[in-house]
Amino acid sequence: MNTLNINIKNEVIIASFVGVDYFNNQNYIIIKDQIEEIVKNHNTTLILDFSNIIHFDASTFCALTINLRTAKRHNSKFILTNLSDRLTEVVKVMNLNRVFTIYSTVDEFFEI
């Protein structure tokens, strides 16, 4: 089963993915609802750590966009980290680096 591993550091929620190395419309939907619940809490900062993920499809980008909109409605921050080189290129080609806040690593977020 696909789940989120949740850690908290300096009041920031860091979610990494357990039991999956790629996302498509069938398996991301399981986690999407968990993420929705986290970002519905006002003024939450959520970092999604994609360090174990090697691929996701267009439906995953759609689901992430829905999560981002929910976060903004609830004054929460929604951050992506540790995207693989391949995913980083896809994000850039689709200009999604202008939509999402992205850091190379979780540690980079905390250095700023």
PDB file of N, CA and C in Angstrom:
ATOM      1  N   MET A   1       0.843  -1.188   0.000  1.00  0.00           N
ATOM      2  CA  MET A   1       0.000   0.000   0.000  1.00  0.00           C
ATOM      3  C   MET A   1       0.883   1.244   0.000  1.00  0.00           C
ATOM      4  N   ASN A   2       0.491   2.257  -0.737  1.00  0.00           N
ATOM      5  CA  ASN A   2       1.225   3.513  -0.817  1.00  0.00           C
ATOM      6  C   ASN A   2       0.850   4.403   0.355  1.00  0.00           C
ATOM      7  N   THR A   3       1.853   4.862   1.083  1.00  0.00           N
ATOM      8  CA  THR A   3       1.575   5.725   2.221  1.00  0.00           C
ATOM      9  C   THR A   3       2.588   6.850   2.283  1.00  0.00           C
ATOM     10  N   LEU A   4       2.280   7.806   3.122  1.00  0.00           N
ATOM     11  CA  LEU A   4       3.194   8.899   3.401  1.00  0.00           C
ATOM     12  C   LEU A   4       3.903   8.632   4.714  1.00  0.00           C
ATOM     13  N   ASN A   5       5.188   8.872   4.732  1.00  0.00           N
ATOM     14  CA  ASN A   5       5.957   8.859   5.967  1.00  0.00           C
ATOM     15  C   ASN A   5       6.072  10.320   6.397  1.00  0.00           C
ATOM     16  N   ILE A   6       5.569  10.647   7.565  1.00  0.00           N
ATOM     17  CA  ILE A   6       5.509  12.030   8.025  1.00  0.00           C
ATOM     18  C   ILE A   6       6.555  12.270   9.111  1.00  0.00           C
ATOM     19  N   ASN A   7       7.344  13.325   8.929  1.00  0.00           N
ATOM     20  CA  ASN A   7       8.277  13.804   9.948  1.00  0.00           C
ATOM     21  C   ASN A   7       8.030  15.292  10.127  1.00  0.00           C
ATOM     22  N   ILE A   8       8.331  15.794  11.307  1.00  0.00           N
ATOM     23  CA  ILE A   8       8.162  17.222  11.577  1.00  0.00           C
ATOM     24  C   ILE A   8       9.494  17.778  12.051  1.00  0.00           C
ATOM     25  N   LYS A   9       9.913  18.875  11.417  1.00  0.00           N
ATOM     26  CA  LYS A   9      11.145  19.554  11.784  1.00  0.00           C
ATOM     27  C   LYS A   9      10.867  21.046  11.818  1.00  0.00           C
ATOM     28  N   ASN A  10      11.100  21.678  12.950  1.00  0.00           N
ATOM     29  CA  ASN A  10      10.868  23.121  13.107  1.00  0.00           C
ATOM     30  C   ASN A  10       9.466  23.519  12.645  1.00  0.00           C
ATOM     31  N   GLU A  11       8.469  22.735  13.038  1.00  0.00           N
ATOM     32  CA  GLU A  11       7.064  22.969  12.713  1.00  0.00           C
ATOM     33  C   GLU A  11       6.737  22.831  11.229  1.00  0.00           C
ATOM     34  N   VAL A  12       7.639  22.246  10.459  1.00  0.00           N
ATOM     35  CA  VAL A  12       7.424  21.982   9.042  1.00  0.00           C
ATOM     36  C   VAL A  12       7.170  20.491   8.880  1.00  0.00           C
ATOM     37  N   ILE A  13       6.130  20.153   8.127  1.00  0.00           N
ATOM     38  CA  ILE A  13       5.797  18.752   7.881  1.00  0.00           C
ATOM     39  C   ILE A  13       6.551  18.290   6.634  1.00  0.00           C
ATOM     40  N   ILE A  14       7.307  17.226   6.791  1.00  0.00           N
ATOM     41  CA  ILE A  14       8.059  16.647   5.678  1.00  0.00           C
ATOM     42  C   ILE A  14       7.447  15.276   5.392  1.00  0.00           C
ATOM     43  N   ALA A  15       6.920  15.137   4.185  1.00  0.00           N
ATOM     44  CA  ALA A  15       6.274  13.885   3.800  1.00  0.00           C
ATOM     45  C   ALA A  15       7.089  13.201   2.710  1.00  0.00           C
ATOM     46  N   SER A  16       7.464  11.967   2.957  1.00  0.00           N
ATOM     47  CA  SER A  16       8.142  11.169   1.938  1.00  0.00           C
ATOM     48  C   SER A  16       7.244   9.979   1.624  1.00  0.00           C
ATOM     49  N   PHE A  17       7.521   9.337   0.527  1.00  0.00           N
ATOM     50  CA  PHE A  17       6.641   8.291   0.033  1.00  0.00           C
ATOM     51  C   PHE A  17       7.215   6.912   0.326  1.00  0.00           C
ATOM     52  N   VAL A  18       6.362   6.009   0.797  1.00  0.00           N
ATOM     53  CA  VAL A  18       6.762   4.662   1.169  1.00  0.00           C
ATOM     54  C   VAL A  18       5.998   3.673   0.279  1.00  0.00           C
ATOM     55  N   GLY A  19       6.724   2.713  -0.261  1.00  0.00           N
ATOM     56  CA  GLY A  19       6.078   1.656  -1.016  1.00  0.00           C
ATOM     57  C   GLY A  19       5.815   1.972  -2.474  1.00  0.00           C
ATOM     58  N   VAL A  20       6.451   3.028  -2.994  1.00  0.00           N
ATOM     59  CA  VAL A  20       6.230   3.398  -4.390  1.00  0.00           C
ATOM     60  C   VAL A  20       7.460   4.130  -4.913  1.00  0.00           C
ATOM     61  N   ASP A  21       7.801   3.910  -6.188  1.00  0.00           N
ATOM     62  CA  ASP A  21       8.897   4.668  -6.799  1.00  0.00           C
ATOM     63  C   ASP A  21       8.440   5.417  -8.050  1.00  0.00           C
ATOM     64  N   TYR A  22       7.163   5.294  -8.385  1.00  0.00           N
ATOM     65  CA  TYR A  22       6.587   6.053  -9.490  1.00  0.00           C
ATOM     66  C   TYR A  22       5.115   6.327  -9.161  1.00  0.00           C
ATOM     67  N   PHE A  23       4.564   7.350  -9.801  1.00  0.00           N
ATOM     68  CA  PHE A  23       3.154   7.662  -9.612  1.00  0.00           C
ATOM     69  C   PHE A  23       2.439   7.693 -10.943  1.00  0.00           C
ATOM     70  N   ASN A  24       1.213   7.194 -10.929  1.00  0.00           N
ATOM     71  CA  ASN A  24       0.299   7.346 -12.050  1.00  0.00           C
ATOM     72  C   ASN A  24      -1.065   7.687 -11.463  1.00  0.00           C
ATOM     73  N   ASN A  25      -2.080   7.799 -12.308  1.00  0.00           N
ATOM     74  CA  ASN A  25      -3.386   8.222 -11.801  1.00  0.00           C
ATOM     75  C   ASN A  25      -3.996   7.235 -10.818  1.00  0.00           C
ATOM     76  N   GLN A  26      -3.571   5.995 -10.826  1.00  0.00           N
ATOM     77  CA  GLN A  26      -4.161   5.008  -9.924  1.00  0.00           C
ATOM     78  C   GLN A  26      -3.535   5.032  -8.535  1.00  0.00           C
ATOM     79  N   ASN A  27      -2.224   5.185  -8.451  1.00  0.00           N
ATOM     80  CA  ASN A  27      -1.636   5.115  -7.114  1.00  0.00           C
ATOM     81  C   ASN A  27      -1.454   6.478  -6.452  1.00  0.00           C
ATOM     82  N   TYR A  28      -1.370   7.565  -7.210  1.00  0.00           N
ATOM     83  CA  TYR A  28      -1.219   8.863  -6.548  1.00  0.00           C
ATOM     84  C   TYR A  28      -2.507   9.280  -5.857  1.00  0.00           C
ATOM     85  N   ILE A  29      -3.643   8.875  -6.380  1.00  0.00           N
ATOM     86  CA  ILE A  29      -4.929   9.265  -5.796  1.00  0.00           C
ATOM     87  C   ILE A  29      -5.031   8.810  -4.337  1.00  0.00           C
ATOM     88  N   ILE A  30      -4.394   7.705  -4.012  1.00  0.00           N
ATOM     89  CA  ILE A  30      -4.409   7.201  -2.630  1.00  0.00           C
ATOM     90  C   ILE A  30      -3.728   8.207  -1.700  1.00  0.00           C
ATOM     91  N   ILE A  31      -2.626   8.768  -2.152  1.00  0.00           N
ATOM     92  CA  ILE A  31      -1.850   9.689  -1.327  1.00  0.00           C
ATOM     93  C   ILE A  31      -2.397  11.113  -1.411  1.00  0.00           C
ATOM     94  N   LYS A  32      -2.998  11.475  -2.534  1.00  0.00           N
ATOM     95  CA  LYS A  32      -3.522  12.832  -2.738  1.00  0.00           C
ATOM     96  C   LYS A  32      -4.449  13.246  -1.600  1.00  0.00           C
ATOM     97  N   ASP A  33      -5.328  12.366  -1.190  1.00  0.00           N
ATOM     98  CA  ASP A  33      -6.275  12.691  -0.121  1.00  0.00           C
ATOM     99  C   ASP A  33      -5.564  12.916   1.207  1.00  0.00           C
ATOM    100  N   GLN A  34      -4.503  12.145   1.474  1.00  0.00           N
ATOM    101  CA  GLN A  34      -3.730  12.352   2.701  1.00  0.00           C
ATOM    102  C   GLN A  34      -3.074  13.742   2.681  1.00  0.00           C
ATOM    103  N   ILE A  35      -2.557  14.121   1.528  1.00  0.00           N
ATOM    104  CA  ILE A  35      -1.919  15.433   1.397  1.00  0.00           C
ATOM    105  C   ILE A  35      -2.953  16.544   1.565  1.00  0.00           C
ATOM    106  N   GLU A  36      -4.127  16.353   0.977  1.00  0.00           N
ATOM    107  CA  GLU A  36      -5.210  17.340   1.113  1.00  0.00           C
ATOM    108  C   GLU A  36      -5.504  17.624   2.585  1.00  0.00           C
ATOM    109  N   GLU A  37      -5.593  16.589   3.392  1.00  0.00           N
ATOM    110  CA  GLU A  37      -5.902  16.767   4.814  1.00  0.00           C
ATOM    111  C   GLU A  37      -4.818  17.572   5.534  1.00  0.00           C
ATOM    112  N   ILE A  38      -3.581  17.352   5.164  1.00  0.00           N
ATOM    113  CA  ILE A  38      -2.481  18.085   5.801  1.00  0.00           C
ATOM    114  C   ILE A  38      -2.552  19.567   5.453  1.00  0.00           C
ATOM    115  N   VAL A  39      -2.711  19.886   4.164  1.00  0.00           N
ATOM    116  CA  VAL A  39      -2.658  21.292   3.755  1.00  0.00           C
ATOM    117  C   VAL A  39      -3.921  22.062   4.103  1.00  0.00           C
ATOM    118  N   LYS A  40      -4.979  21.370   4.490  1.00  0.00           N
ATOM    119  CA  LYS A  40      -6.197  22.072   4.913  1.00  0.00           C
ATOM    120  C   LYS A  40      -6.014  22.769   6.258  1.00  0.00           C
ATOM    121  N   ASN A  41      -5.008  22.365   7.011  1.00  0.00           N
ATOM    122  CA  ASN A  41      -4.706  23.059   8.264  1.00  0.00           C
ATOM    123  C   ASN A  41      -4.071  24.393   7.917  1.00  0.00           C
ATOM    124  N   HIS A  42      -4.665  25.460   8.391  1.00  0.00           N
ATOM    125  CA  HIS A  42      -4.194  26.800   8.051  1.00  0.00           C
ATOM    126  C   HIS A  42      -2.748  27.015   8.475  1.00  0.00           C
ATOM    127  N   ASN A  43      -2.009  27.699   7.613  1.00  0.00           N
ATOM    128  CA  ASN A  43      -0.628  28.096   7.875  1.00  0.00           C
ATOM    129  C   ASN A  43       0.314  26.916   8.083  1.00  0.00           C
ATOM    130  N   THR A  44       0.075  25.826   7.399  1.00  0.00           N
ATOM    131  CA  THR A  44       0.949  24.667   7.443  1.00  0.00           C
ATOM    132  C   THR A  44       2.000  24.786   6.348  1.00  0.00           C
ATOM    133  N   THR A  45       3.200  24.338   6.625  1.00  0.00           N
ATOM    134  CA  THR A  45       4.209  24.201   5.580  1.00  0.00           C
ATOM    135  C   THR A  45       4.422  22.713   5.374  1.00  0.00           C
ATOM    136  N   LEU A  46       4.175  22.267   4.131  1.00  0.00           N
ATOM    137  CA  LEU A  46       4.337  20.866   3.782  1.00  0.00           C
ATOM    138  C   LEU A  46       5.404  20.739   2.706  1.00  0.00           C
ATOM    139  N   ILE A  47       6.401  19.919   2.994  1.00  0.00           N
ATOM    140  CA  ILE A  47       7.431  19.593   2.008  1.00  0.00           C
ATOM    141  C   ILE A  47       7.179  18.164   1.547  1.00  0.00           C
ATOM    142  N   LEU A  48       7.013  17.991   0.233  1.00  0.00           N
ATOM    143  CA  LEU A  48       6.923  16.645  -0.331  1.00  0.00           C
ATOM    144  C   LEU A  48       8.304  16.247  -0.822  1.00  0.00           C
ATOM    145  N   ASP A  49       8.837  15.203  -0.243  1.00  0.00           N
ATOM    146  CA  ASP A  49      10.174  14.718  -0.570  1.00  0.00           C
ATOM    147  C   ASP A  49      10.048  13.580  -1.588  1.00  0.00           C
ATOM    148  N   PHE A  50      10.468  13.865  -2.828  1.00  0.00           N
ATOM    149  CA  PHE A  50      10.351  12.892  -3.913  1.00  0.00           C
ATOM    150  C   PHE A  50      11.634  12.090  -4.120  1.00  0.00           C
ATOM    151  N   SER A  51      12.453  11.961  -3.091  1.00  0.00           N
ATOM    152  CA  SER A  51      13.757  11.314  -3.260  1.00  0.00           C
ATOM    153  C   SER A  51      13.669   9.862  -3.726  1.00  0.00           C
ATOM    154  N   ASN A  52      12.586   9.171  -3.445  1.00  0.00           N
ATOM    155  CA  ASN A  52      12.447   7.775  -3.879  1.00  0.00           C
ATOM    156  C   ASN A  52      11.660   7.629  -5.171  1.00  0.00           C
ATOM    157  N   ILE A  53      11.211   8.723  -5.742  1.00  0.00           N
ATOM    158  CA  ILE A  53      10.330   8.675  -6.913  1.00  0.00           C
ATOM    159  C   ILE A  53      11.145   8.902  -8.180  1.00  0.00           C
ATOM    160  N   ILE A  54      11.030   7.977  -9.113  1.00  0.00           N
ATOM    161  CA  ILE A  54      11.781   8.107 -10.363  1.00  0.00           C
ATOM    162  C   ILE A  54      10.917   8.594 -11.523  1.00  0.00           C
ATOM    163  N   HIS A  55       9.589   8.480 -11.386  1.00  0.00           N
ATOM    164  CA  HIS A  55       8.705   8.868 -12.481  1.00  0.00           C
ATOM    165  C   HIS A  55       7.319   9.201 -11.956  1.00  0.00           C
ATOM    166  N   PHE A  56       6.674  10.183 -12.568  1.00  0.00           N
ATOM    167  CA  PHE A  56       5.232  10.323 -12.429  1.00  0.00           C
ATOM    168  C   PHE A  56       4.659  10.881 -13.710  1.00  0.00           C
ATOM    169  N   ASP A  57       3.391  10.567 -13.946  1.00  0.00           N
ATOM    170  CA  ASP A  57       2.774  10.941 -15.216  1.00  0.00           C
ATOM    171  C   ASP A  57       1.990  12.241 -15.091  1.00  0.00           C
ATOM    172  N   ALA A  58       1.350  12.646 -16.180  1.00  0.00           N
ATOM    173  CA  ALA A  58       0.627  13.919 -16.237  1.00  0.00           C
ATOM    174  C   ALA A  58      -0.491  13.992 -15.205  1.00  0.00           C
ATOM    175  N   SER A  59      -1.137  12.877 -14.925  1.00  0.00           N
ATOM    176  CA  SER A  59      -2.207  12.897 -13.932  1.00  0.00           C
ATOM    177  C   SER A  59      -1.675  13.246 -12.545  1.00  0.00           C
ATOM    178  N   THR A  60      -0.433  12.890 -12.283  1.00  0.00           N
ATOM    179  CA  THR A  60       0.178  13.240 -11.005  1.00  0.00           C
ATOM    180  C   THR A  60       0.390  14.748 -10.912  1.00  0.00           C
ATOM    181  N   PHE A  61       0.835  15.358 -12.019  1.00  0.00           N
ATOM    182  CA  PHE A  61       0.965  16.826 -12.037  1.00  0.00           C
ATOM    183  C   PHE A  61      -0.380  17.494 -11.773  1.00  0.00           C
ATOM    184  N   CYS A  62      -1.440  16.941 -12.333  1.00  0.00           N
ATOM    185  CA  CYS A  62      -2.783  17.488 -12.086  1.00  0.00           C
ATOM    186  C   CYS A  62      -3.148  17.382 -10.606  1.00  0.00           C
ATOM    187  N   ALA A  63      -2.901  16.228 -10.022  1.00  0.00           N
ATOM    188  CA  ALA A  63      -3.210  16.030  -8.606  1.00  0.00           C
ATOM    189  C   ALA A  63      -2.368  16.952  -7.731  1.00  0.00           C
ATOM    190  N   LEU A  64      -1.090  17.126  -8.076  1.00  0.00           N
ATOM    191  CA  LEU A  64      -0.232  18.043  -7.316  1.00  0.00           C
ATOM    192  C   LEU A  64      -0.746  19.473  -7.418  1.00  0.00           C
ATOM    193  N   THR A  65      -1.242  19.844  -8.593  1.00  0.00           N
ATOM    194  CA  THR A  65      -1.797  21.184  -8.780  1.00  0.00           C
ATOM    195  C   THR A  65      -3.033  21.379  -7.914  1.00  0.00           C
ATOM    196  N   ILE A  66      -3.863  20.352  -7.814  1.00  0.00           N
ATOM    197  CA  ILE A  66      -5.036  20.418  -6.926  1.00  0.00           C
ATOM    198  C   ILE A  66      -4.584  20.582  -5.484  1.00  0.00           C
ATOM    199  N   ASN A  67      -3.575  19.815  -5.073  1.00  0.00           N
ATOM    200  CA  ASN A  67      -3.032  19.950  -3.711  1.00  0.00           C
ATOM    201  C   ASN A  67      -2.499  21.355  -3.481  1.00  0.00           C
ATOM    202  N   LEU A  68      -1.815  21.915  -4.472  1.00  0.00           N
ATOM    203  CA  LEU A  68      -1.271  23.274  -4.358  1.00  0.00           C
ATOM    204  C   LEU A  68      -2.393  24.289  -4.183  1.00  0.00           C
ATOM    205  N   ARG A  69      -3.445  24.184  -4.980  1.00  0.00           N
ATOM    206  CA  ARG A  69      -4.582  25.121  -4.859  1.00  0.00           C
ATOM    207  C   ARG A  69      -5.227  25.026  -3.477  1.00  0.00           C
ATOM    208  N   THR A  70      -5.388  23.812  -2.990  1.00  0.00           N
ATOM    209  CA  THR A  70      -5.957  23.636  -1.650  1.00  0.00           C
ATOM    210  C   THR A  70      -5.064  24.290  -0.608  1.00  0.00           C
ATOM    211  N   ALA A  71      -3.759  24.093  -0.737  1.00  0.00           N
ATOM    212  CA  ALA A  71      -2.813  24.706   0.205  1.00  0.00           C
ATOM    213  C   ALA A  71      -2.943  26.224   0.186  1.00  0.00           C
ATOM    214  N   LYS A  72      -3.004  26.812  -0.991  1.00  0.00           N
ATOM    215  CA  LYS A  72      -3.110  28.278  -1.094  1.00  0.00           C
ATOM    216  C   LYS A  72      -4.409  28.785  -0.473  1.00  0.00           C
ATOM    217  N   ARG A  73      -5.506  28.052  -0.678  1.00  0.00           N
ATOM    218  CA  ARG A  73      -6.791  28.458  -0.091  1.00  0.00           C
ATOM    219  C   ARG A  73      -6.731  28.469   1.431  1.00  0.00           C
ATOM    220  N   HIS A  74      -5.862  27.651   1.997  1.00  0.00           N
ATOM    221  CA  HIS A  74      -5.765  27.528   3.456  1.00  0.00           C
ATOM    222  C   HIS A  74      -4.490  28.173   4.005  1.00  0.00           C
ATOM    223  N   ASN A  75      -3.906  29.067   3.205  1.00  0.00           N
ATOM    224  CA  ASN A  75      -2.689  29.788   3.616  1.00  0.00           C
ATOM    225  C   ASN A  75      -1.562  28.847   4.032  1.00  0.00           C
ATOM    226  N   SER A  76      -1.475  27.727   3.371  1.00  0.00           N
ATOM    227  CA  SER A  76      -0.409  26.766   3.641  1.00  0.00           C
ATOM    228  C   SER A  76       0.613  26.810   2.517  1.00  0.00           C
ATOM    229  N   LYS A  77       1.827  26.412   2.838  1.00  0.00           N
ATOM    230  CA  LYS A  77       2.893  26.341   1.841  1.00  0.00           C
ATOM    231  C   LYS A  77       3.031  24.902   1.375  1.00  0.00           C
ATOM    232  N   PHE A  78       3.258  24.744   0.074  1.00  0.00           N
ATOM    233  CA  PHE A  78       3.319  23.421  -0.548  1.00  0.00           C
ATOM    234  C   PHE A  78       4.601  23.380  -1.373  1.00  0.00           C
ATOM    235  N   ILE A  79       5.558  22.582  -0.936  1.00  0.00           N
ATOM    236  CA  ILE A  79       6.907  22.613  -1.499  1.00  0.00           C
ATOM    237  C   ILE A  79       7.293  21.218  -1.990  1.00  0.00           C
ATOM    238  N   LEU A  80       7.936  21.184  -3.152  1.00  0.00           N
ATOM    239  CA  LEU A  80       8.442  19.930  -3.706  1.00  0.00           C
ATOM    240  C   LEU A  80       9.961  19.904  -3.562  1.00  0.00           C
ATOM    241  N   THR A  81      10.515  18.773  -3.175  1.00  0.00           N
ATOM    242  CA  THR A  81      11.968  18.635  -3.059  1.00  0.00           C
ATOM    243  C   THR A  81      12.424  17.293  -3.623  1.00  0.00           C
ATOM    244  N   ASN A  82      13.733  17.227  -3.870  1.00  0.00           N
ATOM    245  CA  ASN A  82      14.406  15.991  -4.284  1.00  0.00           C
ATOM    246  C   ASN A  82      13.804  15.358  -5.536  1.00  0.00           C
ATOM    247  N   LEU A  83      13.451  16.200  -6.511  1.00  0.00           N
ATOM    248  CA  LEU A  83      12.985  15.659  -7.786  1.00  0.00           C
ATOM    249  C   LEU A  83      14.172  15.051  -8.521  1.00  0.00           C
ATOM    250  N   SER A  84      13.968  13.918  -9.158  1.00  0.00           N
ATOM    251  CA  SER A  84      15.035  13.307  -9.940  1.00  0.00           C
ATOM    252  C   SER A  84      15.397  14.242 -11.100  1.00  0.00           C
ATOM    253  N   ASP A  85      16.546  14.007 -11.712  1.00  0.00           N
ATOM    254  CA  ASP A  85      16.960  14.829 -12.859  1.00  0.00           C
ATOM    255  C   ASP A  85      15.910  14.782 -13.958  1.00  0.00           C
ATOM    256  N   ARG A  86      15.379  13.611 -14.198  1.00  0.00           N
ATOM    257  CA  ARG A  86      14.356  13.455 -15.241  1.00  0.00           C
ATOM    258  C   ARG A  86      13.104  14.262 -14.917  1.00  0.00           C
ATOM    259  N   LEU A  87      12.633  14.175 -13.673  1.00  0.00           N
ATOM    260  CA  LEU A  87      11.442  14.925 -13.277  1.00  0.00           C
ATOM    261  C   LEU A  87      11.702  16.428 -13.292  1.00  0.00           C
ATOM    262  N   THR A  88      12.903  16.831 -12.908  1.00  0.00           N
ATOM    263  CA  THR A  88      13.255  18.249 -12.946  1.00  0.00           C
ATOM    264  C   THR A  88      13.168  18.783 -14.369  1.00  0.00           C
ATOM    265  N   GLU A  89      13.660  18.014 -15.332  1.00  0.00           N
ATOM    266  CA  GLU A  89      13.590  18.428 -16.740  1.00  0.00           C
ATOM    267  C   GLU A  89      12.145  18.550 -17.209  1.00  0.00           C
ATOM    268  N   VAL A  90      11.313  17.591 -16.843  1.00  0.00           N
ATOM    269  CA  VAL A  90       9.895  17.638 -17.229  1.00  0.00           C
ATOM    270  C   VAL A  90       9.230  18.871 -16.632  1.00  0.00           C
ATOM    271  N   VAL A  91       9.509  19.145 -15.375  1.00  0.00           N
ATOM    272  CA  VAL A  91       8.945  20.320 -14.704  1.00  0.00           C
ATOM    273  C   VAL A  91       9.355  21.593 -15.436  1.00  0.00           C
ATOM    274  N   LYS A  92      10.612  21.689 -15.827  1.00  0.00           N
ATOM    275  CA  LYS A  92      11.091  22.875 -16.538  1.00  0.00           C
ATOM    276  C   LYS A  92      10.456  23.010 -17.921  1.00  0.00           C
ATOM    277  N   VAL A  93      10.378  21.910 -18.653  1.00  0.00           N
ATOM    278  CA  VAL A  93       9.784  21.944 -19.991  1.00  0.00           C
ATOM    279  C   VAL A  93       8.322  22.387 -19.926  1.00  0.00           C
ATOM    280  N   MET A  94       7.611  21.954 -18.892  1.00  0.00           N
ATOM    281  CA  MET A  94       6.204  22.303 -18.737  1.00  0.00           C
ATOM    282  C   MET A  94       6.009  23.641 -18.014  1.00  0.00           C
ATOM    283  N   ASN A  95       7.117  24.329 -17.704  1.00  0.00           N
ATOM    284  CA  ASN A  95       7.087  25.604 -16.970  1.00  0.00           C
ATOM    285  C   ASN A  95       6.426  25.485 -15.599  1.00  0.00           C
ATOM    286  N   LEU A  96       6.424  24.296 -15.033  1.00  0.00           N
ATOM    287  CA  LEU A  96       5.827  24.110 -13.719  1.00  0.00           C
ATOM    288  C   LEU A  96       6.726  24.618 -12.594  1.00  0.00           C
ATOM    289  N   ASN A  97       7.981  24.911 -12.925  1.00  0.00           N
ATOM    290  CA  ASN A  97       8.853  25.525 -11.923  1.00  0.00           C
ATOM    291  C   ASN A  97       8.380  26.939 -11.592  1.00  0.00           C
ATOM    292  N   ARG A  98       7.494  27.490 -12.402  1.00  0.00           N
ATOM    293  CA  ARG A  98       6.882  28.795 -12.108  1.00  0.00           C
ATOM    294  C   ARG A  98       5.622  28.638 -11.269  1.00  0.00           C
ATOM    295  N   VAL A  99       5.094  27.432 -11.216  1.00  0.00           N
ATOM    296  CA  VAL A  99       3.864  27.157 -10.480  1.00  0.00           C
ATOM    297  C   VAL A  99       4.174  26.655  -9.075  1.00  0.00           C
ATOM    298  N   PHE A 100       5.119  25.725  -8.983  1.00  0.00           N
ATOM    299  CA  PHE A 100       5.465  25.102  -7.711  1.00  0.00           C
ATOM    300  C   PHE A 100       6.720  25.716  -7.118  1.00  0.00           C
ATOM    301  N   THR A 101       6.790  25.718  -5.799  1.00  0.00           N
ATOM    302  CA  THR A 101       8.025  26.064  -5.101  1.00  0.00           C
ATOM    303  C   THR A 101       8.830  24.782  -4.997  1.00  0.00           C
ATOM    304  N   ILE A 102      10.041  24.811  -5.556  1.00  0.00           N
ATOM    305  CA  ILE A 102      10.863  23.606  -5.622  1.00  0.00           C
ATOM    306  C   ILE A 102      12.247  23.887  -5.043  1.00  0.00           C
ATOM    307  N   TYR A 103      12.700  22.977  -4.196  1.00  0.00           N
ATOM    308  CA  TYR A 103      14.057  23.023  -3.661  1.00  0.00           C
ATOM    309  C   TYR A 103      14.760  21.734  -4.057  1.00  0.00           C
ATOM    310  N   SER A 104      16.056  21.813  -4.233  1.00  0.00           N
ATOM    311  CA  SER A 104      16.826  20.617  -4.604  1.00  0.00           C
ATOM    312  C   SER A 104      16.749  19.548  -3.524  1.00  0.00           C
ATOM    313  N   THR A 105      16.837  19.981  -2.270  1.00  0.00           N
ATOM    314  CA  THR A 105      16.796  19.047  -1.143  1.00  0.00           C
ATOM    315  C   THR A 105      15.968  19.646  -0.012  1.00  0.00           C
ATOM    316  N   VAL A 106      15.604  18.813   0.926  1.00  0.00           N
ATOM    317  CA  VAL A 106      14.908  19.295   2.122  1.00  0.00           C
ATOM    318  C   VAL A 106      15.823  20.234   2.896  1.00  0.00           C
ATOM    319  N   ASP A 107      17.094  19.866   3.017  1.00  0.00           N
ATOM    320  CA  ASP A 107      18.044  20.705   3.751  1.00  0.00           C
ATOM    321  C   ASP A 107      18.160  22.098   3.139  1.00  0.00           C
ATOM    322  N   GLU A 108      18.105  22.193   1.817  1.00  0.00           N
ATOM    323  CA  GLU A 108      18.182  23.505   1.173  1.00  0.00           C
ATOM    324  C   GLU A 108      17.045  24.408   1.631  1.00  0.00           C
ATOM    325  N   PHE A 109      15.858  23.863   1.812  1.00  0.00           N
ATOM    326  CA  PHE A 109      14.724  24.648   2.314  1.00  0.00           C
ATOM    327  C   PHE A 109      15.063  25.268   3.665  1.00  0.00           C
ATOM    328  N   PHE A 110      15.652  24.483   4.560  1.00  0.00           N
ATOM    329  CA  PHE A 110      15.937  24.957   5.906  1.00  0.00           C
ATOM    330  C   PHE A 110      17.131  25.912   5.965  1.00  0.00           C
ATOM    331  N   GLU A 111      17.959  25.914   4.938  1.00  0.00           N
ATOM    332  CA  GLU A 111      19.103  26.825   4.911  1.00  0.00           C
ATOM    333  C   GLU A 111      18.687  28.246   4.591  1.00  0.00           C
ATOM    334  N   ILE A 112      17.547  28.424   3.983  1.00  0.00           N
ATOM    335  CA  ILE A 112      17.122  29.758   3.545  1.00  0.00           C
ATOM    336  C   ILE A 112      16.458  30.509   4.649  1.00  0.00           C
TER     337      ILE A 112
END
